[in-house]
Amino acid sequence: MEGYELAKACAKALAAKKAKDILLVNVGEQTVVCSYFVIASGTSTTQVRALGDNVEEELEKAGVTALRKEGLREGRWGVVDYGDVVVHIFNEESRLFYYLERLWDSGRNVERYTDDDTGSKG
């Protein structure tokens, strides 16, 4: 599983635990680090940790293992790195401060994930 398919699977796992404002950001033309960022918010440090755990659990069921993870224990900003996709899970305050989606938005590369799996651009 790579690229967009992996990003959607991560977003689906986040949505299953009620993450807020889930975005898929195609950064493939802007960096060689990865193809997609998946960005989401949790309402508490406990939820941020649970979101990260659920992404890992669901992707492992699909045979995909994270290369590394950072920051989830603190519950402010956690990262789960799958190589081609990097998942950023923030508490609301940290997300507003760092505002990654604004930094990486090129005007046509951001998709909002919705539970009905249709997504919407911009």
Foldseek 3Di string as FASTA:
>chain_A
DADPVLLLLLVLLLVVLPWPFWKWFQCVVPDPQAGIEIETEDAWLVSLLVSVVSSQVSVVVVVQHFPDKDDSNVSAWIWTHRRNYIYIYHYPVSCVVVVVCVVRDPPWGMWTQDNVRPTDTD
